[in-house]
Amino acid sequence: MLYAILAPQLCQNPQKIDLNSMVTIYQNYGDEPKDIFLPLPEDLACEFYALEMDSYTADIDCFETLLPRQGSFLELGCGTGRIASRLAGPGRFIVGIDISFPMLQLATQGRQPSKNSVSYLCMDMVHLAFSVKFDAILIPYNTLNLLGSEDKIITCLNCCKNSLRSGGSLQLQIFIPTEDFIQQKKTFQFQIFNRPKGGKIIKEILKQYDPESLSVHIEERYRVRPGQLGAANEDWNSCYTIAGFSAEHWFSIFSAAGFVATNFHGDYFGSPYHKSTSSCLVTTLTLQ
């Protein structure tokens, strides 16, 4: 009997798959070599991020309603400019910062509606250095979780406090481990993307909750399958750790940094936050 491991989506149209280019066929499971993943280079990380996220707009629609129609705004962790470029426009000026220069290079090549409405800077979010103040600050898509420790998060929030005008707001989206995830401690997800120049990328996301450090260890694996005869497969991974605090813990952090939550929801569509099922916390913070 022959064995082959294929992602479920690929198996839906077997007549379209060239098995010789997509997978290696083994006589039994014992013959399969151990997976070897190389560290994901930053240029590929940017390409894969753009491929996965460029079409995502739910958070953009949400922030569109939360931000004033006019003013100056700051986005922390702007990446490829996906959000900033779409929120900017007449009456709105947005500064996007990111610590990744390759990400910012993609941002400057992309979608900005006007040269005068968006500006991108390479800057660390725990060391903000602005002489001006902003009407609102955005920290979207789990970016604050990436700081990992409570000390770094409070440092970042203090920087935000010093960069906000009186009456300004801080708009956040945070990852919160659900009760089920905390009990299971491990999860596995995967997605499949078509690469613009041909072939597919199979992304696997492995998450493991650490109850002692209140953190989540994440491994993202990218299996690049060119789908062309003679083209070599590639296997890359990226490993990192994010803060895995409860909602109550986050609110105590906000308070310690001098902020109060004026509203919060369990998604970008205004659904109530539920501790057992909501892995997302969308909240507006104002100065105490």
C-alpha atoms as a PDB file:
ATOM      1  CA  MET A   1       0.000   0.000   0.000  1.00  0.00           C
ATOM      2  CA  LEU A   2       1.221   3.527  -0.803  1.00  0.00           C
ATOM      3  CA  TYR A   3       0.956   6.388   1.669  1.00  0.00           C
ATOM      4  CA  ALA A   4       1.035  10.128   1.028  1.00  0.00           C
ATOM      5  CA  ILE A   5       0.323  13.027   3.328  1.00  0.00           C
ATOM      6  CA  LEU A   6      -1.772  15.743   1.678  1.00  0.00           C
ATOM      7  CA  ALA A   7      -3.593  18.728   3.144  1.00  0.00           C
ATOM      8  CA  PRO A   8      -7.397  18.191   3.040  1.00  0.00           C
ATOM      9  CA  GLN A   9      -8.018  21.074   0.625  1.00  0.00           C
ATOM     10  CA  LEU A  10      -5.631  19.548  -1.877  1.00  0.00           C
ATOM     11  CA  CYS A  11      -7.446  16.246  -1.729  1.00  0.00           C
ATOM     12  CA  GLN A  12     -10.721  17.792  -2.883  1.00  0.00           C
ATOM     13  CA  ASN A  13      -9.510  17.945  -6.504  1.00  0.00           C
ATOM     14  CA  PRO A  14      -7.116  15.017  -6.899  1.00  0.00           C
ATOM     15  CA  GLN A  15      -7.260  15.154 -10.682  1.00  0.00           C
ATOM     16  CA  LYS A  16      -5.543  18.559 -10.604  1.00  0.00           C
ATOM     17  CA  ILE A  17      -2.618  17.500  -8.413  1.00  0.00           C
ATOM     18  CA  ASP A  18       0.749  16.442  -9.762  1.00  0.00           C
ATOM     19  CA  LEU A  19       1.838  14.102  -6.974  1.00  0.00           C
ATOM     20  CA  ASN A  20       5.401  14.026  -8.235  1.00  0.00           C
ATOM     21  CA  SER A  21       5.776  17.770  -7.679  1.00  0.00           C
ATOM     22  CA  MET A  22       3.565  18.220  -4.584  1.00  0.00           C
ATOM     23  CA  VAL A  23       4.592  15.298  -2.363  1.00  0.00           C
ATOM     24  CA  THR A  24       6.945  12.364  -2.101  1.00  0.00           C
ATOM     25  CA  ILE A  25       5.313   8.915  -2.100  1.00  0.00           C
ATOM     26  CA  TYR A  26       6.516   6.402   0.535  1.00  0.00           C
ATOM     27  CA  GLN A  27       5.752   2.716   0.883  1.00  0.00           C
ATOM     28  CA  ASN A  28       4.889   3.090   4.576  1.00  0.00           C
ATOM     29  CA  TYR A  29       4.905   5.693   7.339  1.00  0.00           C
ATOM     30  CA  GLY A  30       8.207   4.419   8.741  1.00  0.00           C
ATOM     31  CA  ASP A  31      10.007   5.533   5.580  1.00  0.00           C
ATOM     32  CA  GLU A  32       9.030   9.179   5.986  1.00  0.00           C
ATOM     33  CA  PRO A  33      11.970  11.426   6.926  1.00  0.00           C
ATOM     34  CA  LYS A  34      11.766  13.692   9.944  1.00  0.00           C
ATOM     35  CA  ASP A  35      10.554  17.212   9.162  1.00  0.00           C
ATOM     36  CA  ILE A  36      13.382  19.721   8.995  1.00  0.00           C
ATOM     37  CA  PHE A  37      12.458  23.394   9.023  1.00  0.00           C
ATOM     38  CA  LEU A  38      14.896  26.226   8.399  1.00  0.00           C
ATOM     39  CA  PRO A  39      14.487  29.601  10.158  1.00  0.00           C
ATOM     40  CA  LEU A  40      12.179  31.814   8.107  1.00  0.00           C
ATOM     41  CA  PRO A  41      14.145  34.681   6.471  1.00  0.00           C
ATOM     42  CA  GLU A  42      12.710  38.159   7.033  1.00  0.00           C
ATOM     43  CA  ASP A  43      12.082  38.818   3.344  1.00  0.00           C
ATOM     44  CA  LEU A  44      10.001  35.649   3.060  1.00  0.00           C
ATOM     45  CA  ALA A  45       8.234  36.478   6.329  1.00  0.00           C
ATOM     46  CA  CYS A  46       7.139  39.785   4.785  1.00  0.00           C
ATOM     47  CA  GLU A  47       5.998  38.105   1.575  1.00  0.00           C
ATOM     48  CA  PHE A  48       4.004  35.434   3.427  1.00  0.00           C
ATOM     49  CA  TYR A  49       2.467  37.999   5.791  1.00  0.00           C
ATOM     50  CA  ALA A  50       1.291  40.137   2.875  1.00  0.00           C
ATOM     51  CA  LEU A  51      -0.086  37.088   1.079  1.00  0.00           C
ATOM     52  CA  GLU A  52      -2.064  36.047   4.154  1.00  0.00           C
ATOM     53  CA  MET A  53      -3.218  39.427   5.456  1.00  0.00           C
ATOM     54  CA  ASP A  54      -3.583  41.885   2.555  1.00  0.00           C
ATOM     55  CA  SER A  55      -7.203  40.947   1.883  1.00  0.00           C
ATOM     56  CA  TYR A  56      -8.252  41.023   5.563  1.00  0.00           C
ATOM     57  CA  THR A  57     -10.425  44.088   6.273  1.00  0.00           C
ATOM     58  CA  ALA A  58     -12.603  43.315   9.340  1.00  0.00           C
ATOM     59  CA  ASP A  59     -10.324  45.264  11.685  1.00  0.00           C
ATOM     60  CA  ILE A  60     -10.057  48.148   9.212  1.00  0.00           C
ATOM     61  CA  ASP A  61     -13.850  48.496   9.059  1.00  0.00           C
ATOM     62  CA  CYS A  62     -13.976  48.466  12.865  1.00  0.00           C
ATOM     63  CA  PHE A  63     -11.284  51.130  13.346  1.00  0.00           C
ATOM     64  CA  GLU A  64     -12.918  53.221  10.642  1.00  0.00           C
ATOM     65  CA  THR A  65     -15.951  53.634  12.893  1.00  0.00           C
ATOM     66  CA  LEU A  66     -13.922  54.185  16.083  1.00  0.00           C
ATOM     67  CA  LEU A  67     -11.565  56.875  14.808  1.00  0.00           C
ATOM     68  CA  PRO A  68     -12.622  60.504  14.368  1.00  0.00           C
ATOM     69  CA  ARG A  69     -13.140  61.644  10.790  1.00  0.00           C
ATOM     70  CA  GLN A  70     -10.221  64.042  11.123  1.00  0.00           C
ATOM     71  CA  GLY A  71      -7.022  64.138  13.109  1.00  0.00           C
ATOM     72  CA  SER A  72      -3.531  62.708  13.391  1.00  0.00           C
ATOM     73  CA  PHE A  73      -3.161  59.065  14.354  1.00  0.00           C
ATOM     74  CA  LEU A  74      -0.346  56.659  15.190  1.00  0.00           C
ATOM     75  CA  GLU A  75      -0.319  52.935  14.401  1.00  0.00           C
ATOM     76  CA  LEU A  76       2.118  50.684  16.265  1.00  0.00           C
ATOM     77  CA  GLY A  77       3.269  47.564  14.422  1.00  0.00           C
ATOM     78  CA  CYS A  78       1.985  48.781  11.053  1.00  0.00           C
ATOM     79  CA  GLY A  79       3.721  46.003   9.092  1.00  0.00           C
ATOM     80  CA  THR A  80       3.089  46.360   5.358  1.00  0.00           C
ATOM     81  CA  GLY A  81       0.773  49.338   5.851  1.00  0.00           C
ATOM     82  CA  ARG A  82      -2.361  47.252   5.390  1.00  0.00           C
ATOM     83  CA  ILE A  83      -4.381  49.274   7.926  1.00  0.00           C
ATOM     84  CA  ALA A  84      -2.740  52.705   7.830  1.00  0.00           C
ATOM     85  CA  SER A  85      -2.952  53.045   4.052  1.00  0.00           C
ATOM     86  CA  ARG A  86      -6.694  52.334   4.072  1.00  0.00           C
ATOM     87  CA  LEU A  87      -7.638  54.507   7.038  1.00  0.00           C
ATOM     88  CA  ALA A  88      -5.690  57.554   5.843  1.00  0.00           C
ATOM     89  CA  GLY A  89      -7.242  60.130   3.581  1.00  0.00           C
ATOM     90  CA  PRO A  90      -8.605  63.677   3.492  1.00  0.00           C
ATOM     91  CA  GLY A  91      -8.450  65.121   6.993  1.00  0.00           C
ATOM     92  CA  ARG A  92      -6.649  62.085   8.399  1.00  0.00           C
ATOM     93  CA  PHE A  93      -2.894  61.847   8.766  1.00  0.00           C
ATOM     94  CA  ILE A  94      -1.457  58.523   9.972  1.00  0.00           C
ATOM     95  CA  VAL A  95       2.058  57.670  11.101  1.00  0.00           C
ATOM     96  CA  GLY A  96       2.817  53.961  11.018  1.00  0.00           C
ATOM     97  CA  ILE A  97       5.815  52.535  12.865  1.00  0.00           C
ATOM     98  CA  ASP A  98       7.335  49.072  12.753  1.00  0.00           C
ATOM     99  CA  ILE A  99      10.597  47.549  13.923  1.00  0.00           C
ATOM    100  CA  SER A 100      10.953  45.583  10.657  1.00  0.00           C
ATOM    101  CA  PHE A 101      12.557  47.606   7.869  1.00  0.00           C
ATOM    102  CA  PRO A 102      11.610  45.056   5.157  1.00  0.00           C
ATOM    103  CA  MET A 103       7.958  45.355   6.225  1.00  0.00           C
ATOM    104  CA  LEU A 104       8.170  49.130   5.907  1.00  0.00           C
ATOM    105  CA  GLN A 105       9.725  48.787   2.465  1.00  0.00           C
ATOM    106  CA  LEU A 106       6.620  46.892   1.352  1.00  0.00           C
ATOM    107  CA  ALA A 107       4.444  49.553   2.965  1.00  0.00           C
ATOM    108  CA  THR A 108       6.096  52.368   1.033  1.00  0.00           C
ATOM    109  CA  GLN A 109       5.731  50.440  -2.226  1.00  0.00           C
ATOM    110  CA  GLY A 110       2.038  49.833  -1.724  1.00  0.00           C
ATOM    111  CA  ARG A 111      -1.365  51.277  -1.305  1.00  0.00           C
ATOM    112  CA  GLN A 112      -1.063  54.685   0.350  1.00  0.00           C
ATOM    113  CA  PRO A 113      -3.822  56.986  -0.995  1.00  0.00           C
ATOM    114  CA  SER A 114      -1.746  60.165  -0.764  1.00  0.00           C
ATOM    115  CA  LYS A 115       1.893  60.976  -0.109  1.00  0.00           C
ATOM    116  CA  ASN A 116       0.732  63.569   2.408  1.00  0.00           C
ATOM    117  CA  SER A 117      -1.612  61.351   4.461  1.00  0.00           C
ATOM    118  CA  VAL A 118       0.633  58.431   5.505  1.00  0.00           C
ATOM    119  CA  SER A 119       4.159  58.348   6.852  1.00  0.00           C
ATOM    120  CA  TYR A 120       6.144  55.251   7.850  1.00  0.00           C
ATOM    121  CA  LEU A 121       8.989  55.142  10.371  1.00  0.00           C
ATOM    122  CA  CYS A 122      11.242  52.363  11.652  1.00  0.00           C
ATOM    123  CA  MET A 123      10.844  52.584  15.439  1.00  0.00           C
ATOM    124  CA  ASP A 124      10.535  50.330  18.477  1.00  0.00           C
ATOM    125  CA  MET A 125       7.115  50.553  20.124  1.00  0.00           C
ATOM    126  CA  VAL A 126       8.645  50.529  23.600  1.00  0.00           C
ATOM    127  CA  HIS A 127      10.840  53.513  22.721  1.00  0.00           C
ATOM    128  CA  LEU A 128       8.499  55.991  21.045  1.00  0.00           C
ATOM    129  CA  ALA A 129      10.226  59.273  20.225  1.00  0.00           C
ATOM    130  CA  PHE A 130       7.721  61.858  19.028  1.00  0.00           C
ATOM    131  CA  SER A 131       7.711  65.581  19.713  1.00  0.00           C
ATOM    132  CA  VAL A 132       4.056  65.787  18.616  1.00  0.00           C
ATOM    133  CA  LYS A 133       0.950  64.249  20.162  1.00  0.00           C
ATOM    134  CA  PHE A 134      -1.746  62.225  18.411  1.00  0.00           C
ATOM    135  CA  ASP A 135      -5.546  62.209  18.546  1.00  0.00           C
ATOM    136  CA  ALA A 136      -5.600  58.406  18.693  1.00  0.00           C
ATOM    137  CA  ILE A 137      -3.183  55.476  18.721  1.00  0.00           C
ATOM    138  CA  LEU A 138      -3.897  52.042  17.222  1.00  0.00           C
ATOM    139  CA  ILE A 139      -2.246  48.809  18.334  1.00  0.00           C
ATOM    140  CA  PRO A 140      -4.024  46.227  16.160  1.00  0.00           C
ATOM    141  CA  TYR A 141      -3.873  42.499  15.491  1.00  0.00           C
ATOM    142  CA  ASN A 142      -2.254  41.087  18.663  1.00  0.00           C
ATOM    143  CA  THR A 143       0.714  43.440  18.371  1.00  0.00           C
ATOM    144  CA  LEU A 144       0.746  44.286  22.090  1.00  0.00           C
ATOM    145  CA  ASN A 145       0.868  40.534  22.893  1.00  0.00           C
ATOM    146  CA  LEU A 146       4.173  40.318  21.019  1.00  0.00           C
ATOM    147  CA  LEU A 147       5.947  42.303  23.734  1.00  0.00           C
ATOM    148  CA  GLY A 148       5.579  39.235  25.937  1.00  0.00           C
ATOM    149  CA  SER A 149       6.256  40.612  29.420  1.00  0.00           C
ATOM    150  CA  GLU A 150       4.081  42.818  31.590  1.00  0.00           C
ATOM    151  CA  ASP A 151       6.961  45.269  32.116  1.00  0.00           C
ATOM    152  CA  LYS A 152       7.451  45.853  28.391  1.00  0.00           C
ATOM    153  CA  ILE A 153       3.718  46.200  27.841  1.00  0.00           C
ATOM    154  CA  ILE A 154       3.403  48.845  30.575  1.00  0.00           C
ATOM    155  CA  THR A 155       6.444  50.664  29.147  1.00  0.00           C
ATOM    156  CA  CYS A 156       4.750  50.730  25.739  1.00  0.00           C
ATOM    157  CA  LEU A 157       1.457  51.955  27.241  1.00  0.00           C
ATOM    158  CA  ASN A 158       3.291  54.702  29.124  1.00  0.00           C
ATOM    159  CA  CYS A 159       4.865  55.800  25.846  1.00  0.00           C
ATOM    160  CA  CYS A 160       1.395  55.852  24.299  1.00  0.00           C
ATOM    161  CA  LYS A 161       0.076  57.930  27.204  1.00  0.00           C
ATOM    162  CA  ASN A 162       2.815  60.502  26.644  1.00  0.00           C
ATOM    163  CA  SER A 163       2.061  60.588  22.915  1.00  0.00           C
ATOM    164  CA  LEU A 164      -1.710  61.168  23.222  1.00  0.00           C
ATOM    165  CA  ARG A 165      -3.436  64.527  23.200  1.00  0.00           C
ATOM    166  CA  SER A 166      -5.883  65.317  25.987  1.00  0.00           C
ATOM    167  CA  GLY A 167      -9.115  63.454  25.218  1.00  0.00           C
ATOM    168  CA  GLY A 168      -7.342  61.070  22.863  1.00  0.00           C
ATOM    169  CA  SER A 169      -7.984  57.313  22.724  1.00  0.00           C
ATOM    170  CA  LEU A 170      -5.992  54.114  22.436  1.00  0.00           C
ATOM    171  CA  GLN A 171      -7.572  51.444  20.204  1.00  0.00           C
ATOM    172  CA  LEU A 172      -6.437  47.879  20.875  1.00  0.00           C
ATOM    173  CA  GLN A 173      -7.014  44.360  19.665  1.00  0.00           C
ATOM    174  CA  ILE A 174      -5.542  41.681  21.926  1.00  0.00           C
ATOM    175  CA  PHE A 175      -5.351  37.895  21.830  1.00  0.00           C
ATOM    176  CA  ILE A 176      -6.876  36.225  24.919  1.00  0.00           C
ATOM    177  CA  PRO A 177      -6.542  32.452  25.491  1.00  0.00           C
ATOM    178  CA  THR A 178      -9.983  30.876  25.791  1.00  0.00           C
ATOM    179  CA  GLU A 179     -10.836  28.542  28.649  1.00  0.00           C
ATOM    180  CA  ASP A 180     -10.820  25.582  26.238  1.00  0.00           C
ATOM    181  CA  PHE A 181      -7.338  26.468  24.986  1.00  0.00           C
ATOM    182  CA  ILE A 182      -6.038  26.838  28.549  1.00  0.00           C
ATOM    183  CA  GLN A 183      -7.375  23.389  29.395  1.00  0.00           C
ATOM    184  CA  GLN A 184      -6.119  21.733  26.203  1.00  0.00           C
ATOM    185  CA  LYS A 185      -2.811  23.678  26.290  1.00  0.00           C
ATOM    186  CA  LYS A 186      -2.108  22.857  22.624  1.00  0.00           C
ATOM    187  CA  THR A 187      -3.804  23.684  19.334  1.00  0.00           C
ATOM    188  CA  PHE A 188      -3.047  23.073  15.666  1.00  0.00           C
ATOM    189  CA  GLN A 189      -4.399  24.977  12.671  1.00  0.00           C
ATOM    190  CA  PHE A 190      -3.472  25.196   9.023  1.00  0.00           C
ATOM    191  CA  GLN A 191      -4.198  27.339   5.987  1.00  0.00           C
ATOM    192  CA  ILE A 192      -3.359  27.024   2.299  1.00  0.00           C
ATOM    193  CA  PHE A 193      -2.454  29.944   0.056  1.00  0.00           C
ATOM    194  CA  ASN A 194      -1.854  30.185  -3.660  1.00  0.00           C
ATOM    195  CA  ARG A 195       1.457  31.842  -4.452  1.00  0.00           C
ATOM    196  CA  PRO A 196       1.100  34.556  -7.131  1.00  0.00           C
ATOM    197  CA  LYS A 197       3.876  33.080  -9.278  1.00  0.00           C
ATOM    198  CA  GLY A 198       2.497  29.546  -8.931  1.00  0.00           C
ATOM    199  CA  GLY A 199       2.500  26.795  -6.365  1.00  0.00           C
ATOM    200  CA  LYS A 200       1.061  26.717  -2.865  1.00  0.00           C
ATOM    201  CA  ILE A 201       2.068  27.579   0.661  1.00  0.00           C
ATOM    202  CA  ILE A 202       0.785  25.380   3.475  1.00  0.00           C
ATOM    203  CA  LYS A 203       0.915  27.271   6.757  1.00  0.00           C
ATOM    204  CA  GLU A 204       0.692  25.303  10.008  1.00  0.00           C
ATOM    205  CA  ILE A 205       0.226  27.100  13.337  1.00  0.00           C
ATOM    206  CA  LEU A 206       1.097  25.232  16.545  1.00  0.00           C
ATOM    207  CA  LYS A 207       0.248  26.985  19.823  1.00  0.00           C
ATOM    208  CA  GLN A 208       1.099  25.829  23.339  1.00  0.00           C
ATOM    209  CA  TYR A 209      -0.091  27.558  26.504  1.00  0.00           C
ATOM    210  CA  ASP A 210       2.290  27.842  29.459  1.00  0.00           C
ATOM    211  CA  PRO A 211       0.301  28.346  32.692  1.00  0.00           C
ATOM    212  CA  GLU A 212       3.405  29.226  34.722  1.00  0.00           C
ATOM    213  CA  SER A 213       4.543  32.147  32.602  1.00  0.00           C
ATOM    214  CA  LEU A 214       1.032  33.006  31.316  1.00  0.00           C
ATOM    215  CA  SER A 215       2.422  32.920  27.799  1.00  0.00           C
ATOM    216  CA  VAL A 216       1.726  31.178  24.510  1.00  0.00           C
ATOM    217  CA  HIS A 217       4.548  29.589  22.515  1.00  0.00           C
ATOM    218  CA  ILE A 218       3.837  29.703  18.789  1.00  0.00           C
ATOM    219  CA  GLU A 219       5.486  27.893  15.914  1.00  0.00           C
ATOM    220  CA  GLU A 220       4.445  28.890  12.407  1.00  0.00           C
ATOM    221  CA  ARG A 221       5.504  26.436   9.717  1.00  0.00           C
ATOM    222  CA  TYR A 222       5.488  27.275   6.021  1.00  0.00           C
ATOM    223  CA  ARG A 223       5.655  24.405   3.548  1.00  0.00           C
ATOM    224  CA  VAL A 224       6.337  25.917   0.126  1.00  0.00           C
ATOM    225  CA  ARG A 225       5.264  23.603  -2.686  1.00  0.00           C
ATOM    226  CA  PRO A 226       6.158  25.087  -6.083  1.00  0.00           C
ATOM    227  CA  GLY A 227       4.026  22.604  -8.019  1.00  0.00           C
ATOM    228  CA  GLN A 228       6.515  22.621 -10.872  1.00  0.00           C
ATOM    229  CA  LEU A 229       8.608  19.685 -12.010  1.00  0.00           C
ATOM    230  CA  GLY A 230      12.187  20.100 -10.867  1.00  0.00           C
ATOM    231  CA  ALA A 231      11.425  22.913  -8.402  1.00  0.00           C
ATOM    232  CA  ALA A 232      12.480  22.065  -4.856  1.00  0.00           C
ATOM    233  CA  ASN A 233      10.115  22.121  -1.922  1.00  0.00           C
ATOM    234  CA  GLU A 234      10.966  24.474   0.938  1.00  0.00           C
ATOM    235  CA  ASP A 235      10.138  24.157   4.644  1.00  0.00           C
ATOM    236  CA  TRP A 236      10.496  27.197   6.913  1.00  0.00           C
ATOM    237  CA  ASN A 237       9.420  28.005  10.448  1.00  0.00           C
ATOM    238  CA  SER A 238       9.209  30.915  12.847  1.00  0.00           C
ATOM    239  CA  CYS A 239       9.012  30.464  16.632  1.00  0.00           C
ATOM    240  CA  TYR A 240       8.085  33.141  19.139  1.00  0.00           C
ATOM    241  CA  THR A 241       6.289  33.698  22.446  1.00  0.00           C
ATOM    242  CA  ILE A 242       3.425  36.089  23.191  1.00  0.00           C
ATOM    243  CA  ALA A 243       1.654  37.225  26.342  1.00  0.00           C
ATOM    244  CA  GLY A 244      -1.252  34.922  27.216  1.00  0.00           C
ATOM    245  CA  PHE A 245      -2.946  36.985  29.940  1.00  0.00           C
ATOM    246  CA  SER A 246      -6.615  36.830  30.863  1.00  0.00           C
ATOM    247  CA  ALA A 247      -8.890  39.789  30.138  1.00  0.00           C
ATOM    248  CA  GLU A 248      -8.902  40.663  33.849  1.00  0.00           C
ATOM    249  CA  HIS A 249      -5.100  40.706  33.861  1.00  0.00           C
ATOM    250  CA  TRP A 250      -5.048  43.012  30.847  1.00  0.00           C
ATOM    251  CA  PHE A 251      -7.467  45.437  32.511  1.00  0.00           C
ATOM    252  CA  SER A 252      -5.193  45.587  35.571  1.00  0.00           C
ATOM    253  CA  ILE A 253      -2.261  46.387  33.254  1.00  0.00           C
ATOM    254  CA  PHE A 254      -4.256  49.159  31.586  1.00  0.00           C
ATOM    255  CA  SER A 255      -5.068  50.632  34.974  1.00  0.00           C
ATOM    256  CA  ALA A 256      -1.430  50.465  36.104  1.00  0.00           C
ATOM    257  CA  ALA A 257      -0.467  52.451  33.000  1.00  0.00           C
ATOM    258  CA  GLY A 258      -3.110  55.110  33.667  1.00  0.00           C
ATOM    259  CA  PHE A 259      -5.812  53.964  31.217  1.00  0.00           C
ATOM    260  CA  VAL A 260      -9.427  52.921  31.643  1.00  0.00           C
ATOM    261  CA  ALA A 261     -11.452  50.804  29.181  1.00  0.00           C
ATOM    262  CA  THR A 262     -14.501  52.720  27.963  1.00  0.00           C
ATOM    263  CA  ASN A 263     -15.822  49.782  25.922  1.00  0.00           C
ATOM    264  CA  PHE A 264     -14.747  46.299  24.884  1.00  0.00           C
ATOM    265  CA  HIS A 265     -16.007  43.527  22.624  1.00  0.00           C
ATOM    266  CA  GLY A 266     -15.207  39.956  21.671  1.00  0.00           C
ATOM    267  CA  ASP A 267     -14.625  40.661  17.976  1.00  0.00           C
ATOM    268  CA  TYR A 268     -14.544  43.423  15.376  1.00  0.00           C
ATOM    269  CA  PHE A 269     -18.304  43.260  14.882  1.00  0.00           C
ATOM    270  CA  GLY A 270     -19.310  44.373  18.374  1.00  0.00           C
ATOM    271  CA  SER A 271     -20.171  40.940  19.777  1.00  0.00           C
ATOM    272  CA  PRO A 272     -20.027  40.631  23.592  1.00  0.00           C
ATOM    273  CA  TYR A 273     -16.804  39.301  25.078  1.00  0.00           C
ATOM    274  CA  HIS A 274     -17.186  35.791  26.569  1.00  0.00           C
ATOM    275  CA  LYS A 275     -14.391  34.426  28.713  1.00  0.00           C
ATOM    276  CA  SER A 276     -14.971  30.831  27.624  1.00  0.00           C
ATOM    277  CA  THR A 277     -15.110  31.367  23.859  1.00  0.00           C
ATOM    278  CA  SER A 278     -13.686  34.778  22.880  1.00  0.00           C
ATOM    279  CA  SER A 279     -10.043  34.710  21.814  1.00  0.00           C
ATOM    280  CA  CYS A 280     -10.146  38.349  20.800  1.00  0.00           C
ATOM    281  CA  LEU A 281     -10.563  41.499  22.884  1.00  0.00           C
ATOM    282  CA  VAL A 282     -11.232  44.763  21.045  1.00  0.00           C
ATOM    283  CA  THR A 283     -11.195  47.732  23.407  1.00  0.00           C
ATOM    284  CA  THR A 284     -11.007  51.512  23.539  1.00  0.00           C
ATOM    285  CA  LEU A 285      -8.853  52.995  26.290  1.00  0.00           C
ATOM    286  CA  THR A 286      -8.854  56.580  27.521  1.00  0.00           C
ATOM    287  CA  LEU A 287      -6.661  58.351  30.046  1.00  0.00           C
ATOM    288  CA  GLN A 288      -7.798  58.103  33.673  1.00  0.00           C
END
